[in-house]
Structure formats: C-alpha cells, structure tokens
Amino acid sequence: MDVRYNALAVLQSEYDNNYTRECTVFGRQREMLIRLALRKEHPWLELKHSGMDVTFCIGSVPCRFFTDDPNHPQKHGFFRRNQVDQLFAPEDTEPVVWRFVIERAMTDDDEDQVYLIGYNVFEEKICEWRHQPTAGALHSVDSTTPPVVDLPDAEISVRVPDDESDIEPASETGTEST
C-alpha cells in the first residue's frame, strides 16, 4: 500500500487524472512485486510470470493483484487464468484462482482496503481475507497472570520513501544559462 500512497502523493499536477494516476500506481506495484521476488529475501515468495498479468506464488499458491470492487470485480481479465494459475481443482469448493484486490477508498476520509480472495472454477468466491490495519487484542482464557516483562521503548521515526525513484527530479528544459 505504501507504493500506492507514495505514487498518488506525487501525481497531483494539473496534467494528472485518474487514468494517469492508476496506470502509474499499477506499474509501480507490479515493478515492486517483481523486484521483491527477484531479491529472494522471502523464501515463500516466487515470481512465476513477469508480464503485465504478473503472477507470483506465496508458497505454492499463484496470486495476482487488481484494483477493483472485491464483491463485483469488473476488470477485464480478472478471472482469466494464465499458464501458471492452478487450472483444475479436485472439488468445486476449492479455489483455483487467488486474487489480491485493492478496493479504492470512496472519500478522502476512508482508507483503501486490501483483500485476498479465492475463487472456484465457476468464478464463485470461496474464501476471503481482508487486511485489518490494527491487530486484535489478545486476552487470557484462564485465570493465570503472566509475569511482567520489561519492554524497550518503541523506535519512532518519520517515514521516508523506500525508493528515491518515487521522487521525480526537476525536469531540464534543454537550455543552459552561462
């Protein structure tokens, strides 16, 4: 989501519109996924297809990503499977297609939502996970009180873009002053 927010933050000129913003966001998210997989920092992440329909595996599960309505996907190709998607499932109740879906916020007061959704061969939603920005509080199920543990202070800093390429340099006009 940081890649999305960073791209949208810099695409605010009079020449930007929803098309230029969303194309840039898609391109940057796609490139981030490709580079993340190629760095091999996460043993569970593997790049399977680096085309425009980029497909990556989490473990052995092929996934793709879209910005769309998670309840009524409209994007052309949303359900299209490429050569690395699971083509057959043993039962109708098992997902054959996995999609990360980013649901854009409708207002500035709302936040984008991220879903991981599995669909069966009939393009029916079988399972859905929605990212929750806050974790639920854990609580004890018995009457035992755990021992006190001292925790270090949290490290807090100002967030900076991960990649300086997110910041566009001033363009040159081609004229030089002497």
Foldseek 3Di string as FASTA:
>chain_A
DLLLVLLVVPQPDPPDDPVVSVVSSLVSVLVVLVVVQVVCPDVQWHWDDSPSQTWIGRNLAIEGEEAADPVDGDDVCPPPDDPSFQDDDPDQLFFRYWYWYWYCDPDPVDHIKIKIFGHGPVRHTNDMDIDDPDDDDDDDPDDDDDDDDDDDDDDDDDDDDPDCVSDDDDDDPPDDDD
